[in-house]
Amino acid sequence: MDNINKTILEKGFFDEELPEGINLVKEIKYLLKKKNAILLAHYYQTGDIQDIADFVGDSLKLAQEAEKTTADMIVFAGVHFMAETAKILNPTKKVLLPDMEAGCSLADSAPYEDFKKFKDAHPNHVVVSYVNSSSEVKALTDIICTSSNAVHIIDSIPNDKEIIFAPDKNLGSYIEKVSGRKMKLWDGACHVHKEFSLEAILKLKKENPTAKIIAHPECEKPILLVSDYVGATSGILKYTQENEADKFIVATESGILHQMKKLNPNKIYIPAPPNNLDGATCACNDCEYMKLNSLKKIYLALKYEKPEILMDEKLRIKAEVPIKRMLEISAKNNL
C-alpha cells in the first residue's frame, strides 16, 4: 500500500493543504466527468453541495437514483447509511462517502444485537425498518421504508400480520395514526427532530400568525399536533411550492431551506429552533453528521477515490432484499 492510501485509511485526508485559489466547484465537476461519477446529495446538505450535485433528493429518491445510475462511481453527500444503501444496490460500483464520520443518531439508536433480541422476542411479526438504519439491521428486516413511502409500505402488509417498526418511534407513532395499524415500536429517535421546541414554535406562530407550521414526522408528537402539514422532506418542499401561504415555520433539518428559497425566493421560511440554543450559531436545528461533508472533502474523495464503502457480500445480499421490496412497492404506487 502506498503512503497516500495508508494515510487516507488510517487518519483521513481532510487536512491536506489545497493549492491557493483552487476552484473546487470546477475541479469537482471535472473529476466527476473524468471518472464517470455521479454526485448524490441529500436535502440536508449545505447549499453549495446541493448546487453542484447531479441529483438532490430525500432518502427514497436518492435510493431510486442510486439503483438506476449507469455511472461507475457514486459519491454520496449524505450520511453513512445512505452510502451503504447505494452500495447494497450497486455491488460492482465504487461508492464514496466524503467523511466516514458522517453517521446517524437514529441508525445508532438500534444496535444490531439489541434489535435482533427485540425481533426474536416478537416472532411472526413483519419487520419494517426505516431506511435510517444500519446494513446489519436491514438484513434482519422484511421491508425497508422511508418517510415518503412508509404509509404505503404498511398498507401493503395484510391486516392479519403483526408488525415491528424500527428504529424511529416518532415516525412509527405517526404512521400508526395515519394507517390505523398498531405496531411494536422500537424506542429510537433522531437527535435533530426530537429537539425542536414546542414553546419556541408557538411563539413564532404568535409573532407570524399567517405562517404555516410544517414538520417532518420524525418530530415529537406535540410538534406534529400543532403543524398544518406533516410530511417527508420532499413532501414539505412540495407543500411550500403549492400552498398559498407566503410564510412557513419549518420543523426539520435546516438544509431543506436552501431548496425552498431556490424554488420560491419570494416566500419566507423560518427555521424552527431547538429546545436549547445555548452555544448555537443560529436559531435553527442542524444535523451535525450531515454537515460534516464539504466541497473540499468531496474533491479529495474524488481525487483519491477514498473513503470507499466496503461491505461483506453475504450481508449485502441479505440487506438488499428488503430494499428491493421497498422500491417495488414504491414503483407500484408511483412514488
C-alpha atoms as a PDB file:
ATOM      1  CA  MET A   1       0.000   0.000   0.000  1.00  0.00           C
ATOM      2  CA  ASP A   2       1.398   3.414  -0.951  1.00  0.00           C
ATOM      3  CA  ASN A   3       1.889   6.108   1.683  1.00  0.00           C
ATOM      4  CA  ILE A   4      -1.006   8.256   0.423  1.00  0.00           C
ATOM      5  CA  ASN A   5      -3.603   5.490   0.657  1.00  0.00           C
ATOM      6  CA  LYS A   6      -2.220   4.338   4.004  1.00  0.00           C
ATOM      7  CA  THR A   7      -2.678   7.847   5.383  1.00  0.00           C
ATOM      8  CA  ILE A   8      -6.201   8.042   3.951  1.00  0.00           C
ATOM      9  CA  LEU A   9      -7.248   4.794   5.582  1.00  0.00           C
ATOM     10  CA  GLU A  10      -5.611   5.442   8.944  1.00  0.00           C
ATOM     11  CA  LYS A  11      -6.295   9.107   9.679  1.00  0.00           C
ATOM     12  CA  GLY A  12      -8.261  10.607   6.812  1.00  0.00           C
ATOM     13  CA  PHE A  13      -7.009  13.217   4.398  1.00  0.00           C
ATOM     14  CA  PHE A  14      -9.130  16.292   5.121  1.00  0.00           C
ATOM     15  CA  ASP A  15      -6.160  18.298   6.358  1.00  0.00           C
ATOM     16  CA  GLU A  16      -4.396  18.218   3.007  1.00  0.00           C
ATOM     17  CA  GLU A  17      -3.453  21.734   2.031  1.00  0.00           C
ATOM     18  CA  LEU A  18      -5.030  22.673  -1.286  1.00  0.00           C
ATOM     19  CA  PRO A  19      -3.384  24.926  -3.898  1.00  0.00           C
ATOM     20  CA  GLU A  20      -4.106  28.588  -3.307  1.00  0.00           C
ATOM     21  CA  GLY A  21      -7.027  29.839  -5.392  1.00  0.00           C
ATOM     22  CA  ILE A  22      -8.270  26.367  -6.373  1.00  0.00           C
ATOM     23  CA  ASN A  23     -11.793  26.393  -7.796  1.00  0.00           C
ATOM     24  CA  LEU A  24     -13.344  23.425  -6.004  1.00  0.00           C
ATOM     25  CA  VAL A  25     -16.595  23.512  -7.964  1.00  0.00           C
ATOM     26  CA  LYS A  26     -14.716  23.412 -11.261  1.00  0.00           C
ATOM     27  CA  GLU A  27     -12.371  20.653 -10.073  1.00  0.00           C
ATOM     28  CA  ILE A  28     -15.229  18.524  -8.728  1.00  0.00           C
ATOM     29  CA  LYS A  29     -17.169  18.794 -11.982  1.00  0.00           C
ATOM     30  CA  TYR A  30     -14.024  17.897 -13.924  1.00  0.00           C
ATOM     31  CA  LEU A  31     -13.339  14.810 -11.813  1.00  0.00           C
ATOM     32  CA  LEU A  32     -16.980  13.692 -11.930  1.00  0.00           C
ATOM     33  CA  LYS A  33     -16.869  13.740 -15.723  1.00  0.00           C
ATOM     34  CA  LYS A  34     -13.389  12.231 -15.991  1.00  0.00           C
ATOM     35  CA  LYS A  35     -14.217   9.314 -13.702  1.00  0.00           C
ATOM     36  CA  ASN A  36     -17.803   8.784 -14.905  1.00  0.00           C
ATOM     37  CA  ALA A  37     -19.001   9.509 -11.386  1.00  0.00           C
ATOM     38  CA  ILE A  38     -22.282  10.854 -10.063  1.00  0.00           C
ATOM     39  CA  LEU A  39     -22.709  13.112  -7.026  1.00  0.00           C
ATOM     40  CA  LEU A  40     -25.855  12.456  -4.997  1.00  0.00           C
ATOM     41  CA  ALA A  41     -26.800  14.912  -2.242  1.00  0.00           C
ATOM     42  CA  HIS A  42     -29.478  14.875   0.417  1.00  0.00           C
ATOM     43  CA  TYR A  43     -31.661  17.929   1.043  1.00  0.00           C
ATOM     44  CA  TYR A  44     -29.892  18.378   4.403  1.00  0.00           C
ATOM     45  CA  GLN A  45     -26.519  19.115   2.822  1.00  0.00           C
ATOM     46  CA  THR A  46     -25.217  22.665   2.692  1.00  0.00           C
ATOM     47  CA  GLY A  47     -26.366  24.794  -0.223  1.00  0.00           C
ATOM     48  CA  ASP A  48     -23.014  24.805  -2.042  1.00  0.00           C
ATOM     49  CA  ILE A  49     -23.071  20.997  -2.197  1.00  0.00           C
ATOM     50  CA  GLN A  50     -26.705  20.858  -3.301  1.00  0.00           C
ATOM     51  CA  ASP A  51     -25.962  23.312  -6.105  1.00  0.00           C
ATOM     52  CA  ILE A  52     -23.321  21.116  -7.780  1.00  0.00           C
ATOM     53  CA  ALA A  53     -24.924  17.707  -7.182  1.00  0.00           C
ATOM     54  CA  ASP A  54     -26.183  15.661 -10.117  1.00  0.00           C
ATOM     55  CA  PHE A  55     -29.250  14.863  -8.064  1.00  0.00           C
ATOM     56  CA  VAL A  56     -30.668  16.273  -4.829  1.00  0.00           C
ATOM     57  CA  GLY A  57     -33.456  14.469  -3.010  1.00  0.00           C
ATOM     58  CA  ASP A  58     -34.824  12.673   0.024  1.00  0.00           C
ATOM     59  CA  SER A  59     -33.874   9.125   1.040  1.00  0.00           C
ATOM     60  CA  LEU A  60     -36.353   7.421  -1.299  1.00  0.00           C
ATOM     61  CA  LYS A  61     -35.416   9.428  -4.387  1.00  0.00           C
ATOM     62  CA  LEU A  62     -31.712   9.030  -3.669  1.00  0.00           C
ATOM     63  CA  ALA A  63     -32.110   5.253  -3.352  1.00  0.00           C
ATOM     64  CA  GLN A  64     -34.009   5.210  -6.652  1.00  0.00           C
ATOM     65  CA  GLU A  65     -31.306   7.278  -8.362  1.00  0.00           C
ATOM     66  CA  ALA A  66     -28.597   5.037  -6.945  1.00  0.00           C
ATOM     67  CA  GLU A  67     -30.382   1.951  -8.251  1.00  0.00           C
ATOM     68  CA  LYS A  68     -30.693   3.181 -11.830  1.00  0.00           C
ATOM     69  CA  THR A  69     -27.414   5.082 -12.323  1.00  0.00           C
ATOM     70  CA  THR A  70     -25.061   3.991 -15.096  1.00  0.00           C
ATOM     71  CA  ALA A  71     -22.107   5.797 -13.517  1.00  0.00           C
ATOM     72  CA  ASP A  72     -19.033   3.813 -12.499  1.00  0.00           C
ATOM     73  CA  MET A  73     -18.703   5.684  -9.228  1.00  0.00           C
ATOM     74  CA  ILE A  74     -21.166   7.170  -6.744  1.00  0.00           C
ATOM     75  CA  VAL A  75     -20.106   9.979  -4.437  1.00  0.00           C
ATOM     76  CA  PHE A  76     -22.695  10.290  -1.685  1.00  0.00           C
ATOM     77  CA  ALA A  77     -23.028  13.648   0.045  1.00  0.00           C
ATOM     78  CA  GLY A  78     -25.139  12.399   2.905  1.00  0.00           C
ATOM     79  CA  VAL A  79     -24.582  10.077   5.833  1.00  0.00           C
ATOM     80  CA  HIS A  80     -23.251   6.553   6.211  1.00  0.00           C
ATOM     81  CA  PHE A  81     -26.495   4.572   5.939  1.00  0.00           C
ATOM     82  CA  MET A  82     -27.314   6.370   2.668  1.00  0.00           C
ATOM     83  CA  ALA A  83     -23.967   5.480   1.119  1.00  0.00           C
ATOM     84  CA  GLU A  84     -24.373   1.921   2.399  1.00  0.00           C
ATOM     85  CA  THR A  85     -27.770   1.725   0.706  1.00  0.00           C
ATOM     86  CA  ALA A  86     -26.192   2.851  -2.564  1.00  0.00           C
ATOM     87  CA  LYS A  87     -23.511   0.152  -2.214  1.00  0.00           C
ATOM     88  CA  ILE A  88     -26.104  -2.505  -1.415  1.00  0.00           C
ATOM     89  CA  LEU A  89     -27.891  -1.640  -4.659  1.00  0.00           C
ATOM     90  CA  ASN A  90     -24.647  -1.306  -6.660  1.00  0.00           C
ATOM     91  CA  PRO A  91     -22.207  -4.026  -5.571  1.00  0.00           C
ATOM     92  CA  THR A  92     -19.940  -3.588  -8.601  1.00  0.00           C
ATOM     93  CA  LYS A  93     -19.702   0.208  -8.391  1.00  0.00           C
ATOM     94  CA  LYS A  94     -17.332   2.220  -6.230  1.00  0.00           C
ATOM     95  CA  VAL A  95     -19.285   4.173  -3.607  1.00  0.00           C
ATOM     96  CA  LEU A  96     -17.544   7.006  -1.782  1.00  0.00           C
ATOM     97  CA  LEU A  97     -18.614   8.822   1.379  1.00  0.00           C
ATOM     98  CA  PRO A  98     -16.592  12.054   1.738  1.00  0.00           C
ATOM     99  CA  ASP A  99     -16.451  11.743   5.528  1.00  0.00           C
ATOM    100  CA  MET A 100     -16.766   8.329   7.176  1.00  0.00           C
ATOM    101  CA  GLU A 101     -17.655  10.047  10.450  1.00  0.00           C
ATOM    102  CA  ALA A 102     -20.961  11.169   8.897  1.00  0.00           C
ATOM    103  CA  GLY A 103     -23.140   8.749  10.830  1.00  0.00           C
ATOM    104  CA  CYS A 104     -26.739   8.930  12.022  1.00  0.00           C
ATOM    105  CA  SER A 105     -28.027   9.160  15.583  1.00  0.00           C
ATOM    106  CA  LEU A 106     -31.213   7.367  14.553  1.00  0.00           C
ATOM    107  CA  ALA A 107     -29.383   4.445  12.964  1.00  0.00           C
ATOM    108  CA  ASP A 108     -27.123   4.280  16.031  1.00  0.00           C
ATOM    109  CA  SER A 109     -30.182   4.023  18.289  1.00  0.00           C
ATOM    110  CA  ALA A 110     -30.806   0.472  17.014  1.00  0.00           C
ATOM    111  CA  PRO A 111     -27.664  -1.628  17.615  1.00  0.00           C
ATOM    112  CA  TYR A 112     -27.723  -4.936  15.764  1.00  0.00           C
ATOM    113  CA  GLU A 113     -27.535  -7.263  18.784  1.00  0.00           C
ATOM    114  CA  ASP A 114     -30.237  -5.399  20.710  1.00  0.00           C
ATOM    115  CA  PHE A 115     -32.523  -5.240  17.708  1.00  0.00           C
ATOM    116  CA  LYS A 116     -32.050  -8.941  16.976  1.00  0.00           C
ATOM    117  CA  LYS A 117     -33.147  -9.756  20.553  1.00  0.00           C
ATOM    118  CA  PHE A 118     -36.176  -7.493  20.104  1.00  0.00           C
ATOM    119  CA  LYS A 119     -37.087  -9.234  16.850  1.00  0.00           C
ATOM    120  CA  ASP A 120     -36.588 -12.700  18.375  1.00  0.00           C
ATOM    121  CA  ALA A 121     -38.873 -11.723  21.273  1.00  0.00           C
ATOM    122  CA  HIS A 122     -41.665 -10.964  18.786  1.00  0.00           C
ATOM    123  CA  PRO A 123     -41.751 -13.920  16.373  1.00  0.00           C
ATOM    124  CA  ASN A 124     -44.119 -13.986  13.398  1.00  0.00           C
ATOM    125  CA  HIS A 125     -44.022 -10.198  13.100  1.00  0.00           C
ATOM    126  CA  VAL A 126     -43.308  -8.497   9.777  1.00  0.00           C
ATOM    127  CA  VAL A 127     -40.280  -6.281  10.351  1.00  0.00           C
ATOM    128  CA  VAL A 128     -40.407  -2.844   8.728  1.00  0.00           C
ATOM    129  CA  SER A 129     -37.270  -0.763   9.216  1.00  0.00           C
ATOM    130  CA  TYR A 130     -36.790   2.864   8.325  1.00  0.00           C
ATOM    131  CA  VAL A 131     -34.008   3.412   5.794  1.00  0.00           C
ATOM    132  CA  ASN A 132     -32.170   5.280   8.589  1.00  0.00           C
ATOM    133  CA  SER A 133     -30.719   2.011   9.871  1.00  0.00           C
ATOM    134  CA  SER A 134     -27.503   0.049   9.570  1.00  0.00           C
ATOM    135  CA  SER A 135     -26.989  -2.609   6.918  1.00  0.00           C
ATOM    136  CA  GLU A 136     -26.991  -5.207   9.724  1.00  0.00           C
ATOM    137  CA  VAL A 137     -30.455  -4.118  10.869  1.00  0.00           C
ATOM    138  CA  LYS A 138     -31.643  -4.008   7.252  1.00  0.00           C
ATOM    139  CA  ALA A 139     -30.532  -7.640   6.954  1.00  0.00           C
ATOM    140  CA  LEU A 140     -32.971  -8.502   9.777  1.00  0.00           C
ATOM    141  CA  THR A 141     -35.782  -6.648   8.039  1.00  0.00           C
ATOM    142  CA  ASP A 142     -38.613  -7.752   5.740  1.00  0.00           C
ATOM    143  CA  ILE A 143     -39.316  -4.378   4.104  1.00  0.00           C
ATOM    144  CA  ILE A 144     -37.453  -1.066   4.267  1.00  0.00           C
ATOM    145  CA  CYS A 145     -39.368   2.217   4.186  1.00  0.00           C
ATOM    146  CA  THR A 146     -38.681   5.937   4.026  1.00  0.00           C
ATOM    147  CA  SER A 147     -40.817   8.732   5.415  1.00  0.00           C
ATOM    148  CA  SER A 148     -42.098   9.285   1.857  1.00  0.00           C
ATOM    149  CA  ASN A 149     -43.477   5.780   1.391  1.00  0.00           C
ATOM    150  CA  ALA A 150     -43.917   4.465   4.950  1.00  0.00           C
ATOM    151  CA  VAL A 151     -47.730   4.516   4.933  1.00  0.00           C
ATOM    152  CA  HIS A 152     -47.827   2.731   1.558  1.00  0.00           C
ATOM    153  CA  ILE A 153     -45.416   0.100   2.877  1.00  0.00           C
ATOM    154  CA  ILE A 154     -47.551  -0.532   5.959  1.00  0.00           C
ATOM    155  CA  ASP A 155     -50.736  -0.613   3.874  1.00  0.00           C
ATOM    156  CA  SER A 156     -49.157  -3.312   1.693  1.00  0.00           C
ATOM    157  CA  ILE A 157     -48.927  -5.697   4.658  1.00  0.00           C
ATOM    158  CA  PRO A 158     -52.003  -7.920   5.244  1.00  0.00           C
ATOM    159  CA  ASN A 159     -54.147  -6.835   8.196  1.00  0.00           C
ATOM    160  CA  ASP A 160     -53.729 -10.180   9.940  1.00  0.00           C
ATOM    161  CA  LYS A 161     -49.963  -9.698  10.178  1.00  0.00           C
ATOM    162  CA  GLU A 162     -48.402  -8.076  13.227  1.00  0.00           C
ATOM    163  CA  ILE A 163     -45.686  -5.511  12.580  1.00  0.00           C
ATOM    164  CA  ILE A 164     -42.438  -4.390  14.175  1.00  0.00           C
ATOM    165  CA  PHE A 165     -41.427  -0.866  13.187  1.00  0.00           C
ATOM    166  CA  ALA A 166     -37.926   0.462  13.798  1.00  0.00           C
ATOM    167  CA  PRO A 167     -35.991   2.462  14.687  1.00  0.00           C
ATOM    168  CA  ASP A 168     -37.903   5.794  14.861  1.00  0.00           C
ATOM    169  CA  LYS A 169     -40.700   5.738  17.445  1.00  0.00           C
ATOM    170  CA  ASN A 170     -41.981   9.173  16.393  1.00  0.00           C
ATOM    171  CA  LEU A 171     -42.349   8.202  12.747  1.00  0.00           C
ATOM    172  CA  GLY A 172     -43.833   4.886  13.846  1.00  0.00           C
ATOM    173  CA  SER A 173     -46.395   6.608  16.054  1.00  0.00           C
ATOM    174  CA  TYR A 174     -47.340   8.947  13.214  1.00  0.00           C
ATOM    175  CA  ILE A 175     -47.781   6.003  10.813  1.00  0.00           C
ATOM    176  CA  GLU A 176     -49.981   4.239  13.367  1.00  0.00           C
ATOM    177  CA  LYS A 177     -52.255   7.282  13.434  1.00  0.00           C
ATOM    178  CA  VAL A 178     -52.448   7.627   9.645  1.00  0.00           C
ATOM    179  CA  SER A 179     -52.736   3.926   8.780  1.00  0.00           C
ATOM    180  CA  GLY A 180     -54.775   2.764  11.759  1.00  0.00           C
ATOM    181  CA  ARG A 181     -52.350  -0.126  12.305  1.00  0.00           C
ATOM    182  CA  LYS A 182     -50.952  -0.851  15.752  1.00  0.00           C
ATOM    183  CA  MET A 183     -47.251  -1.788  15.678  1.00  0.00           C
ATOM    184  CA  LYS A 184     -44.454  -2.790  18.014  1.00  0.00           C
ATOM    185  CA  LEU A 185     -42.254   0.296  18.016  1.00  0.00           C
ATOM    186  CA  TRP A 186     -38.515   0.359  18.627  1.00  0.00           C
ATOM    187  CA  ASP A 187     -37.552   3.171  21.004  1.00  0.00           C
ATOM    188  CA  GLY A 188     -35.291   5.261  18.771  1.00  0.00           C
ATOM    189  CA  ALA A 189     -35.262   8.879  17.642  1.00  0.00           C
ATOM    190  CA  CYS A 190     -33.364  11.408  15.512  1.00  0.00           C
ATOM    191  CA  HIS A 191     -31.278  13.871  17.510  1.00  0.00           C
ATOM    192  CA  VAL A 192     -32.409  16.726  15.251  1.00  0.00           C
ATOM    193  CA  HIS A 193     -36.138  16.115  15.144  1.00  0.00           C
ATOM    194  CA  LYS A 194     -36.615  15.263  18.803  1.00  0.00           C
ATOM    195  CA  GLU A 195     -35.074  18.547  19.927  1.00  0.00           C
ATOM    196  CA  PHE A 196     -37.480  21.075  18.404  1.00  0.00           C
ATOM    197  CA  SER A 197     -39.005  23.433  20.962  1.00  0.00           C
ATOM    198  CA  LEU A 198     -42.803  23.476  21.010  1.00  0.00           C
ATOM    199  CA  GLU A 199     -42.742  26.648  23.095  1.00  0.00           C
ATOM    200  CA  ALA A 200     -40.485  28.415  20.603  1.00  0.00           C
ATOM    201  CA  ILE A 201     -42.566  27.255  17.639  1.00  0.00           C
ATOM    202  CA  LEU A 202     -45.783  28.535  19.221  1.00  0.00           C
ATOM    203  CA  LYS A 203     -44.028  31.822  19.974  1.00  0.00           C
ATOM    204  CA  LEU A 204     -43.002  32.102  16.331  1.00  0.00           C
ATOM    205  CA  LYS A 205     -46.580  31.329  15.275  1.00  0.00           C
ATOM    206  CA  LYS A 206     -47.891  34.088  17.538  1.00  0.00           C
ATOM    207  CA  GLU A 207     -45.399  36.525  16.013  1.00  0.00           C
ATOM    208  CA  ASN A 208     -46.247  35.294  12.497  1.00  0.00           C
ATOM    209  CA  PRO A 209     -49.968  34.395  12.607  1.00  0.00           C
ATOM    210  CA  THR A 210     -50.268  33.776   8.848  1.00  0.00           C
ATOM    211  CA  ALA A 211     -47.344  31.351   8.765  1.00  0.00           C
ATOM    212  CA  LYS A 212     -47.957  27.651   8.192  1.00  0.00           C
ATOM    213  CA  ILE A 213     -46.182  25.234  10.535  1.00  0.00           C
ATOM    214  CA  ILE A 214     -44.723  22.320   8.575  1.00  0.00           C
ATOM    215  CA  ALA A 215     -42.970  19.357  10.173  1.00  0.00           C
ATOM    216  CA  HIS A 216     -41.231  16.084   9.424  1.00  0.00           C
ATOM    217  CA  PRO A 217     -42.912  13.015  11.005  1.00  0.00           C
ATOM    218  CA  GLU A 218     -39.713  12.258  12.953  1.00  0.00           C
ATOM    219  CA  CYS A 219     -40.639  15.188  15.212  1.00  0.00           C
ATOM    220  CA  GLU A 220     -42.163  14.644  18.648  1.00  0.00           C
ATOM    221  CA  LYS A 221     -45.958  14.259  18.766  1.00  0.00           C
ATOM    222  CA  PRO A 222     -46.694  17.718  20.272  1.00  0.00           C
ATOM    223  CA  ILE A 223     -44.926  19.344  17.301  1.00  0.00           C
ATOM    224  CA  LEU A 224     -46.950  17.281  14.838  1.00  0.00           C
ATOM    225  CA  LEU A 225     -50.216  18.172  16.570  1.00  0.00           C
ATOM    226  CA  VAL A 226     -49.714  21.914  16.038  1.00  0.00           C
ATOM    227  CA  SER A 227     -48.490  21.529  12.460  1.00  0.00           C
ATOM    228  CA  ASP A 228     -50.516  22.488   9.403  1.00  0.00           C
ATOM    229  CA  TYR A 229     -48.690  19.902   7.334  1.00  0.00           C
ATOM    230  CA  VAL A 230     -46.658  16.794   8.213  1.00  0.00           C
ATOM    231  CA  GLY A 231     -44.577  15.022   5.595  1.00  0.00           C
ATOM    232  CA  ALA A 232     -41.221  13.815   4.327  1.00  0.00           C
ATOM    233  CA  THR A 233     -38.660  16.333   3.114  1.00  0.00           C
ATOM    234  CA  SER A 234     -39.901  16.047  -0.465  1.00  0.00           C
ATOM    235  CA  GLY A 235     -43.493  16.486   0.685  1.00  0.00           C
ATOM    236  CA  ILE A 236     -42.609  19.505   2.794  1.00  0.00           C
ATOM    237  CA  LEU A 237     -40.822  21.060  -0.163  1.00  0.00           C
ATOM    238  CA  LYS A 238     -43.801  20.448  -2.453  1.00  0.00           C
ATOM    239  CA  TYR A 239     -46.186  21.920   0.133  1.00  0.00           C
ATOM    240  CA  THR A 240     -44.257  25.198   0.241  1.00  0.00           C
ATOM    241  CA  GLN A 241     -44.471  25.385  -3.547  1.00  0.00           C
ATOM    242  CA  GLU A 242     -48.187  24.672  -3.811  1.00  0.00           C
ATOM    243  CA  ASN A 243     -49.633  26.289  -0.703  1.00  0.00           C
ATOM    244  CA  GLU A 244     -50.841  29.888  -0.990  1.00  0.00           C
ATOM    245  CA  ALA A 245     -49.137  30.943   2.246  1.00  0.00           C
ATOM    246  CA  ASP A 246     -46.112  33.219   1.888  1.00  0.00           C
ATOM    247  CA  LYS A 247     -44.526  32.302   5.214  1.00  0.00           C
ATOM    248  CA  PHE A 248     -43.607  28.929   6.756  1.00  0.00           C
ATOM    249  CA  ILE A 249     -42.213  27.767  10.104  1.00  0.00           C
ATOM    250  CA  VAL A 250     -40.119  24.740   9.158  1.00  0.00           C
ATOM    251  CA  ALA A 251     -39.594  21.939  11.697  1.00  0.00           C
ATOM    252  CA  THR A 252     -36.985  19.763  10.030  1.00  0.00           C
ATOM    253  CA  GLU A 253     -33.248  19.970   9.332  1.00  0.00           C
ATOM    254  CA  SER A 254     -32.413  23.453   8.076  1.00  0.00           C
ATOM    255  CA  GLY A 255     -30.684  22.273   4.876  1.00  0.00           C
ATOM    256  CA  ILE A 256     -34.082  21.965   3.182  1.00  0.00           C
ATOM    257  CA  LEU A 257     -34.499  25.738   3.335  1.00  0.00           C
ATOM    258  CA  HIS A 258     -31.951  26.109   0.543  1.00  0.00           C
ATOM    259  CA  GLN A 259     -34.201  24.324  -1.947  1.00  0.00           C
ATOM    260  CA  MET A 260     -37.265  26.185  -0.672  1.00  0.00           C
ATOM    261  CA  LYS A 261     -35.571  29.532  -1.283  1.00  0.00           C
ATOM    262  CA  LYS A 262     -34.373  28.457  -4.739  1.00  0.00           C
ATOM    263  CA  LEU A 263     -37.826  27.340  -5.834  1.00  0.00           C
ATOM    264  CA  ASN A 264     -39.822  30.144  -4.181  1.00  0.00           C
ATOM    265  CA  PRO A 265     -37.482  33.034  -3.350  1.00  0.00           C
ATOM    266  CA  ASN A 266     -40.342  35.436  -2.601  1.00  0.00           C
ATOM    267  CA  LYS A 267     -41.640  33.375   0.303  1.00  0.00           C
ATOM    268  CA  ILE A 268     -40.321  33.497   3.877  1.00  0.00           C
ATOM    269  CA  TYR A 269     -39.006  30.390   5.627  1.00  0.00           C
ATOM    270  CA  ILE A 270     -38.417  30.430   9.379  1.00  0.00           C
ATOM    271  CA  PRO A 271     -36.375  27.512  10.785  1.00  0.00           C
ATOM    272  CA  ALA A 272     -37.905  26.067  13.942  1.00  0.00           C
ATOM    273  CA  PRO A 273     -35.407  26.339  16.815  1.00  0.00           C
ATOM    274  CA  PRO A 274     -34.239  23.555  19.133  1.00  0.00           C
ATOM    275  CA  ASN A 275     -35.009  23.400  22.844  1.00  0.00           C
ATOM    276  CA  ASN A 276     -31.564  24.568  23.893  1.00  0.00           C
ATOM    277  CA  LEU A 277     -29.989  27.424  21.988  1.00  0.00           C
ATOM    278  CA  ASP A 278     -27.003  27.735  24.311  1.00  0.00           C
ATOM    279  CA  GLY A 279     -23.882  27.806  22.184  1.00  0.00           C
ATOM    280  CA  ALA A 280     -25.835  27.532  18.933  1.00  0.00           C
ATOM    281  CA  THR A 281     -24.614  29.505  15.940  1.00  0.00           C
ATOM    282  CA  CYS A 282     -28.149  30.030  14.609  1.00  0.00           C
ATOM    283  CA  ALA A 283     -31.754  29.686  15.749  1.00  0.00           C
ATOM    284  CA  CYS A 284     -32.104  26.503  13.703  1.00  0.00           C
ATOM    285  CA  ASN A 285     -31.588  22.773  14.064  1.00  0.00           C
ATOM    286  CA  ASP A 286     -28.761  21.222  12.045  1.00  0.00           C
ATOM    287  CA  CYS A 287     -27.693  17.597  11.744  1.00  0.00           C
ATOM    288  CA  GLU A 288     -24.106  17.547  12.939  1.00  0.00           C
ATOM    289  CA  TYR A 289     -23.421  14.488  10.775  1.00  0.00           C
ATOM    290  CA  MET A 290     -24.902  15.830   7.535  1.00  0.00           C
ATOM    291  CA  LYS A 291     -22.870  18.980   7.901  1.00  0.00           C
ATOM    292  CA  LEU A 292     -19.549  17.077   8.095  1.00  0.00           C
ATOM    293  CA  ASN A 293     -19.450  16.941   4.299  1.00  0.00           C
ATOM    294  CA  SER A 294     -17.869  19.825   2.413  1.00  0.00           C
ATOM    295  CA  LEU A 295     -16.724  20.727  -1.096  1.00  0.00           C
ATOM    296  CA  LYS A 296     -13.124  20.105  -0.064  1.00  0.00           C
ATOM    297  CA  LYS A 297     -13.907  16.604   1.201  1.00  0.00           C
ATOM    298  CA  ILE A 298     -15.878  15.791  -1.945  1.00  0.00           C
ATOM    299  CA  TYR A 299     -12.969  16.963  -4.095  1.00  0.00           C
ATOM    300  CA  LEU A 300     -10.445  14.895  -2.131  1.00  0.00           C
ATOM    301  CA  ALA A 301     -12.719  11.853  -2.177  1.00  0.00           C
ATOM    302  CA  LEU A 302     -12.898  12.066  -5.952  1.00  0.00           C
ATOM    303  CA  LYS A 303      -9.174  12.726  -6.276  1.00  0.00           C
ATOM    304  CA  TYR A 304      -8.104   9.694  -4.221  1.00  0.00           C
ATOM    305  CA  GLU A 305     -11.290   7.593  -4.647  1.00  0.00           C
ATOM    306  CA  LYS A 306     -11.441   7.230  -0.881  1.00  0.00           C
ATOM    307  CA  PRO A 307     -13.042   6.712   1.634  1.00  0.00           C
ATOM    308  CA  GLU A 308     -14.859   3.827  -0.019  1.00  0.00           C
ATOM    309  CA  ILE A 309     -17.867   1.936   1.319  1.00  0.00           C
ATOM    310  CA  LEU A 310     -16.938  -1.753   1.513  1.00  0.00           C
ATOM    311  CA  MET A 311     -19.337  -4.488   2.533  1.00  0.00           C
ATOM    312  CA  ASP A 312     -19.403  -8.216   3.178  1.00  0.00           C
ATOM    313  CA  GLU A 313     -21.223  -9.793   0.245  1.00  0.00           C
ATOM    314  CA  LYS A 314     -23.409 -12.101   2.372  1.00  0.00           C
ATOM    315  CA  LEU A 315     -24.569  -9.115   4.415  1.00  0.00           C
ATOM    316  CA  ARG A 316     -25.150  -7.071   1.271  1.00  0.00           C
ATOM    317  CA  ILE A 317     -27.357  -9.751  -0.280  1.00  0.00           C
ATOM    318  CA  LYS A 318     -29.484 -10.028   2.869  1.00  0.00           C
ATOM    319  CA  ALA A 319     -29.830  -6.254   3.170  1.00  0.00           C
ATOM    320  CA  GLU A 320     -30.714  -5.876  -0.499  1.00  0.00           C
ATOM    321  CA  VAL A 321     -33.901  -7.955  -0.268  1.00  0.00           C
ATOM    322  CA  PRO A 322     -35.961  -5.550   1.906  1.00  0.00           C
ATOM    323  CA  ILE A 323     -34.686  -2.516  -0.036  1.00  0.00           C
ATOM    324  CA  LYS A 324     -35.767  -4.080  -3.336  1.00  0.00           C
ATOM    325  CA  ARG A 325     -39.184  -4.821  -1.832  1.00  0.00           C
ATOM    326  CA  MET A 326     -39.496  -1.170  -0.858  1.00  0.00           C
ATOM    327  CA  LEU A 327     -38.554   0.006  -4.345  1.00  0.00           C
ATOM    328  CA  GLU A 328     -41.050  -2.385  -5.941  1.00  0.00           C
ATOM    329  CA  ILE A 329     -43.903  -1.167  -3.723  1.00  0.00           C
ATOM    330  CA  SER A 330     -42.922   2.443  -4.363  1.00  0.00           C
ATOM    331  CA  ALA A 331     -42.928   1.856  -8.119  1.00  0.00           C
ATOM    332  CA  LYS A 332     -46.402   0.265  -7.960  1.00  0.00           C
ATOM    333  CA  ASN A 333     -47.665   3.360  -6.119  1.00  0.00           C
ATOM    334  CA  ASN A 334     -45.873   5.764  -8.467  1.00  0.00           C
ATOM    335  CA  LEU A 335     -43.815   7.192  -5.607  1.00  0.00           C
END
